[in-house]
Amino acid sequence: MKLLTLNCHSWFEEDQEEKMKIIARTIKEQDYDVISLQEVNQSIKKKILFDNIREDNFALALLKELEELGCNGYNVVWEICHICYGVYEEGVSIITKHKIIEEDTFSTFLSSNKNKESVKTRKALRVSIKIDEESIDFYSCHLGWWQDKEDPFKRQVDNLANSMRKDRLTFLMGDFNNDAFTREEGYDYLREKGLMDTFFMAKEKDNGITVKGKIAGWSSNEKHLRIDLILANKNIDVEYSRVIFNGENYPVVSDHYGVESVFKP
């Protein structure tokens, strides 16, 4: 199975339409099984088409691009996390070509903050699909920062871990806002909770860097960071892990690079 995670910074990118087309063409070419997206935005003033999805929902627009390319088999699920700049509803999304047998948008929040007007309000999205009679859970995650005393990262991870079904293979994919190169902070806490990094399980991998320099949420950053991750709750056979949309492996489409991973169920 082939997985992709990307914080797409949607509707804030220059040349957004062209970048969306690049993402769609890449999805068609790489034929991903499950795609986890963060910062998936929609205008608060647009009409709701179905469920909680409005006319300009970025994941829905991406699905339409895929359909124009002849890819008609993908399904989309989206959940709002908070209001962004008073203009957009920002959320997390999962796109998959497999039948979704269960979805959960978490009536309980990962964050202590439950105010939609606060960018610190966090949710995760979970879907379950069945592969060769095995049910597998996939999460799209966008968590807060380690040093945030108002809404501690530890508590968000605890809430996330408590929601997981321990007897089922589970993948947590997304923007964790904690650098894997930094010790004794959020990344190490994720590992303490029993989560395994597909980057280290992979037979082949690159440097894993997904952010370079200053971006939204990291306004004073001068380093190269690995904050976009694909984690699993069990030891699995991972063929490779690589960074994508970084200018070397496909053009840059966001202020984050993406991560793709291939594993054998």
Protein backbone atom coordinates (compact mmCIF):
# COMPACT_ATOMS: atom_id res chain seq x y z
CA MET A 1 0.00 0.00 0.00
CA LYS A 2 1.17 3.49 -0.80
CA LEU A 3 0.49 6.39 1.60
CA LEU A 4 0.89 10.17 1.27
CA THR A 5 0.65 12.93 3.88
CA LEU A 6 0.76 16.64 3.04
CA ASN A 7 0.01 19.89 4.84
CA CYS A 8 -1.28 21.63 1.72
CA HIS A 9 -1.60 25.22 3.08
CA SER A 10 -4.59 25.46 0.80
CA TRP A 11 -5.87 28.71 -0.73
CA PHE A 12 -2.87 30.57 0.72
CA GLU A 13 -0.37 29.49 -1.94
CA GLU A 14 0.64 31.58 -4.94
CA ASP A 15 -0.35 29.86 -8.19
CA GLN A 16 -2.73 27.75 -6.12
CA GLU A 17 -4.66 26.32 -9.07
CA GLU A 18 -1.50 25.09 -10.79
CA LYS A 19 -0.18 23.60 -7.56
CA MET A 20 -3.46 21.76 -7.04
CA LYS A 21 -3.12 20.34 -10.55
CA ILE A 22 0.40 19.16 -9.70
CA ILE A 23 -0.92 17.36 -6.61
CA ALA A 24 -3.72 15.75 -8.66
CA ARG A 25 -1.37 14.61 -11.42
CA THR A 26 0.99 13.16 -8.82
CA ILE A 27 -1.83 11.26 -7.10
CA LYS A 28 -2.84 9.78 -10.45
CA GLU A 29 0.74 8.86 -11.33
CA GLN A 30 1.64 7.41 -7.93
CA ASP A 31 -1.74 5.75 -7.39
CA TYR A 32 -1.86 6.30 -3.62
CA ASP A 33 -4.12 4.13 -1.51
CA VAL A 34 -4.62 6.66 1.31
CA ILE A 35 -3.88 10.40 1.32
CA SER A 36 -3.86 12.44 4.53
CA LEU A 37 -4.16 16.23 4.16
CA GLN A 38 -3.93 19.07 6.66
CA GLU A 39 -4.80 22.78 6.38
CA VAL A 40 -7.61 21.84 4.03
CA ASN A 41 -9.59 25.06 3.82
CA GLN A 42 -12.99 26.22 2.63
CA SER A 43 -14.55 29.70 2.65
CA ILE A 44 -16.95 30.28 5.52
CA LYS A 45 -19.31 32.17 3.19
CA LYS A 46 -19.61 29.45 0.56
CA LYS A 47 -22.66 27.20 0.28
CA ILE A 48 -22.62 23.76 1.93
CA LEU A 49 -22.95 21.04 -0.71
CA PHE A 50 -23.13 17.96 1.54
CA ASP A 51 -22.25 16.98 5.10
CA ASN A 52 -19.97 19.83 6.27
CA ILE A 53 -18.25 20.39 2.90
CA ARG A 54 -18.65 23.73 1.12
CA GLU A 55 -18.36 24.62 -2.56
CA ASP A 56 -14.66 25.56 -2.51
CA ASN A 57 -13.43 22.88 -0.10
CA PHE A 58 -9.85 22.21 -1.22
CA ALA A 59 -10.12 18.43 -0.90
CA LEU A 60 -13.31 18.46 -2.96
CA ALA A 61 -11.63 20.66 -5.59
CA LEU A 62 -8.73 18.20 -5.67
CA LEU A 63 -11.19 15.34 -6.16
CA LYS A 64 -12.70 17.19 -9.14
CA GLU A 65 -9.22 17.62 -10.65
CA LEU A 66 -8.68 13.88 -10.26
CA GLU A 67 -11.98 13.17 -11.99
CA GLU A 68 -10.94 15.39 -14.91
CA LEU A 69 -7.81 13.23 -15.16
CA GLY A 70 -9.94 10.09 -15.31
CA CYS A 71 -9.45 9.09 -11.65
CA ASN A 72 -12.99 8.48 -10.46
CA GLY A 73 -12.44 6.00 -7.65
CA TYR A 74 -11.41 8.28 -4.77
CA ASN A 75 -13.56 9.13 -1.73
CA VAL A 76 -13.09 12.17 0.52
CA VAL A 77 -13.81 12.84 4.20
CA TRP A 78 -13.18 16.23 5.82
CA GLU A 79 -13.54 17.69 9.31
CA ILE A 80 -13.24 21.31 10.48
CA CYS A 81 -10.73 22.14 13.21
CA HIS A 82 -11.00 25.93 13.50
CA ILE A 83 -11.58 29.23 11.72
CA CYS A 84 -8.52 30.65 9.97
CA TYR A 85 -8.04 34.44 9.64
CA GLY A 86 -11.81 34.90 9.92
CA VAL A 87 -12.17 33.78 6.30
CA TYR A 88 -11.71 30.02 6.07
CA GLU A 89 -12.80 26.92 7.92
CA GLU A 90 -9.58 24.97 8.26
CA GLY A 91 -9.64 21.22 8.68
CA VAL A 92 -8.13 17.82 8.05
CA SER A 93 -9.04 15.38 5.31
CA ILE A 94 -8.50 11.83 4.12
CA ILE A 95 -8.82 10.78 0.49
CA THR A 96 -8.77 7.07 -0.35
CA LYS A 97 -9.52 4.83 -3.30
CA HIS A 98 -10.71 2.11 -0.92
CA LYS A 99 -14.20 1.74 0.45
CA ILE A 100 -14.49 3.44 3.83
CA ILE A 101 -16.12 1.02 6.26
CA GLU A 102 -16.10 3.45 9.18
CA GLU A 103 -15.27 7.10 9.84
CA ASP A 104 -14.92 9.11 13.03
CA THR A 105 -14.48 12.86 13.21
CA PHE A 106 -14.08 12.87 16.99
CA SER A 107 -16.87 14.51 18.89
CA THR A 108 -14.24 14.83 21.65
CA PHE A 109 -11.44 17.23 20.78
CA LEU A 110 -7.72 16.51 20.91
CA SER A 111 -7.16 20.02 22.24
CA SER A 112 -8.46 21.41 25.51
CA ASN A 113 -9.60 24.43 23.52
CA LYS A 114 -12.95 23.80 21.80
CA ASN A 115 -13.50 27.30 20.41
CA LYS A 116 -13.66 27.26 16.60
CA GLU A 117 -12.32 30.81 16.55
CA SER A 118 -8.99 29.70 18.05
CA VAL A 119 -6.22 28.28 15.86
CA LYS A 120 -5.23 26.11 18.82
CA THR A 121 -8.41 24.04 18.50
CA ARG A 122 -7.41 20.62 17.19
CA LYS A 123 -9.21 17.53 15.99
CA ALA A 124 -8.12 14.40 14.17
CA LEU A 125 -9.97 12.44 11.54
CA ARG A 126 -10.04 8.63 11.44
CA VAL A 127 -11.25 6.29 8.70
CA SER A 128 -11.19 2.50 8.56
CA ILE A 129 -10.70 0.51 5.39
CA LYS A 130 -10.41 -3.23 4.82
CA ILE A 131 -7.45 -4.76 2.96
CA ASP A 132 -7.39 -8.54 2.44
CA GLU A 133 -9.95 -8.97 5.22
CA GLU A 134 -7.83 -6.89 7.62
CA SER A 135 -9.34 -3.65 8.95
CA ILE A 136 -6.79 -0.82 9.13
CA ASP A 137 -7.29 2.61 10.73
CA PHE A 138 -5.84 5.80 9.24
CA TYR A 139 -5.73 9.18 10.98
CA SER A 140 -5.16 12.63 9.55
CA CYS A 141 -3.52 14.65 12.33
CA HIS A 142 -2.61 18.30 12.82
CA LEU A 143 -1.36 18.84 16.36
CA GLY A 144 -0.08 21.81 18.35
CA TRP A 145 3.35 22.74 19.69
CA TRP A 146 5.40 21.24 22.50
CA GLN A 147 6.02 24.54 24.28
CA ASP A 148 2.35 25.61 24.32
CA LYS A 149 1.42 25.82 28.02
CA GLU A 150 -2.17 26.80 27.27
CA ASP A 151 -2.89 23.62 25.28
CA PRO A 152 -0.09 21.10 25.97
CA PHE A 153 1.04 18.80 23.20
CA LYS A 154 1.26 15.91 25.68
CA ARG A 155 -2.45 16.12 26.41
CA GLN A 156 -3.30 16.15 22.72
CA VAL A 157 -1.17 13.05 22.14
CA ASP A 158 -2.74 11.33 25.16
CA ASN A 159 -6.21 12.00 23.76
CA LEU A 160 -5.11 10.71 20.38
CA ALA A 161 -3.52 7.57 21.83
CA ASN A 162 -6.59 6.85 23.96
CA SER A 163 -8.77 6.91 20.85
CA MET A 164 -6.72 4.24 19.07
CA ARG A 165 -7.79 0.61 18.90
CA LYS A 166 -4.78 -1.29 20.15
CA ASP A 167 -5.68 -4.54 18.40
CA ARG A 168 -5.82 -2.92 14.94
CA LEU A 169 -3.01 -1.75 12.67
CA THR A 170 -3.19 2.04 12.80
CA PHE A 171 -1.40 4.83 10.94
CA LEU A 172 -1.14 8.39 12.25
CA MET A 173 -0.31 10.67 9.31
CA GLY A 174 0.14 14.39 9.32
CA ASP A 175 1.73 17.57 10.62
CA PHE A 176 2.73 16.99 14.25
CA ASN A 177 4.41 20.41 14.69
CA ASN A 178 7.25 18.76 16.62
CA ASP A 179 10.68 18.27 15.10
CA ALA A 180 11.92 14.67 14.94
CA PHE A 181 15.51 15.95 15.19
CA THR A 182 14.85 17.53 18.62
CA ARG A 183 15.26 15.28 21.65
CA GLU A 184 13.14 15.11 24.81
CA GLU A 185 10.22 16.98 23.29
CA GLY A 186 7.11 16.07 21.30
CA TYR A 187 8.63 13.56 18.90
CA ASP A 188 10.16 11.54 21.71
CA TYR A 189 6.84 11.66 23.55
CA LEU A 190 5.10 10.17 20.51
CA ARG A 191 7.65 7.34 20.57
CA GLU A 192 7.11 6.85 24.31
CA LYS A 193 3.43 6.22 23.56
CA GLY A 194 4.47 3.17 21.52
CA LEU A 195 4.22 4.79 18.08
CA MET A 196 6.76 3.71 15.50
CA ASP A 197 8.12 5.92 12.73
CA THR A 198 7.83 4.43 9.24
CA PHE A 199 10.88 6.55 8.36
CA PHE A 200 13.06 4.34 10.54
CA MET A 201 11.29 1.11 9.57
CA ALA A 202 11.87 1.80 5.87
CA LYS A 203 14.46 -0.18 3.95
CA GLU A 204 15.14 2.92 1.84
CA LYS A 205 14.79 6.54 2.93
CA ASP A 206 16.08 10.06 2.34
CA ASN A 207 16.80 12.80 4.90
CA GLY A 208 13.12 13.15 5.83
CA ILE A 209 13.18 16.98 5.92
CA THR A 210 9.73 18.49 5.33
CA VAL A 211 10.22 22.15 6.34
CA LYS A 212 13.06 24.56 5.58
CA GLY A 213 13.17 27.90 7.37
CA LYS A 214 10.26 30.14 8.34
CA ILE A 215 6.69 29.03 7.70
CA ALA A 216 3.29 29.69 9.31
CA GLY A 217 3.49 28.54 12.92
CA TRP A 218 7.31 28.55 12.83
CA SER A 219 7.93 32.24 12.20
CA SER A 220 11.39 32.31 13.81
CA ASN A 221 12.63 28.96 12.52
CA GLU A 222 16.05 28.87 10.88
CA LYS A 223 16.50 25.08 10.78
CA HIS A 224 15.54 22.15 8.63
CA LEU A 225 12.71 20.27 10.34
CA ARG A 226 11.06 16.87 10.08
CA ILE A 227 7.58 17.55 11.45
CA ASP A 228 5.41 15.76 8.87
CA LEU A 229 5.32 12.09 9.78
CA ILE A 230 3.73 8.73 9.08
CA LEU A 231 3.61 6.74 12.31
CA ALA A 232 2.27 3.24 13.01
CA ASN A 233 1.33 1.36 16.15
CA LYS A 234 2.89 -1.92 14.98
CA ASN A 235 6.17 -3.02 13.45
CA ILE A 236 5.55 -3.45 9.71
CA ASP A 237 7.47 -4.09 6.50
CA VAL A 238 8.10 -0.64 4.99
CA GLU A 239 9.69 -0.64 1.56
CA TYR A 240 10.60 3.03 1.48
CA SER A 241 9.93 6.48 2.93
CA ARG A 242 10.65 9.60 0.92
CA VAL A 243 9.91 13.32 0.91
CA ILE A 244 7.83 14.55 -2.02
CA PHE A 245 6.88 17.99 -3.38
CA ASN A 246 10.28 19.35 -2.29
CA GLY A 247 11.53 20.67 -5.64
CA GLU A 248 13.63 17.59 -6.26
CA ASN A 249 10.95 14.91 -6.09
CA TYR A 250 8.12 16.84 -7.82
CA PRO A 251 7.65 20.66 -7.60
CA VAL A 252 6.98 22.47 -4.33
CA VAL A 253 3.22 22.90 -3.76
CA SER A 254 3.06 24.13 -0.14
CA ASP A 255 5.12 25.59 2.69
CA HIS A 256 5.47 21.96 3.85
CA TYR A 257 6.85 19.10 1.80
CA GLY A 258 4.91 15.86 1.74
CA VAL A 259 5.92 12.36 2.83
CA GLU A 260 5.10 9.13 1.04
CA SER A 261 5.60 5.61 2.31
CA VAL A 262 4.99 2.14 0.93
CA PHE A 263 4.33 -0.83 3.18
CA LYS A 264 3.13 -4.41 2.93
CA PRO A 265 -0.01 -5.11 4.99
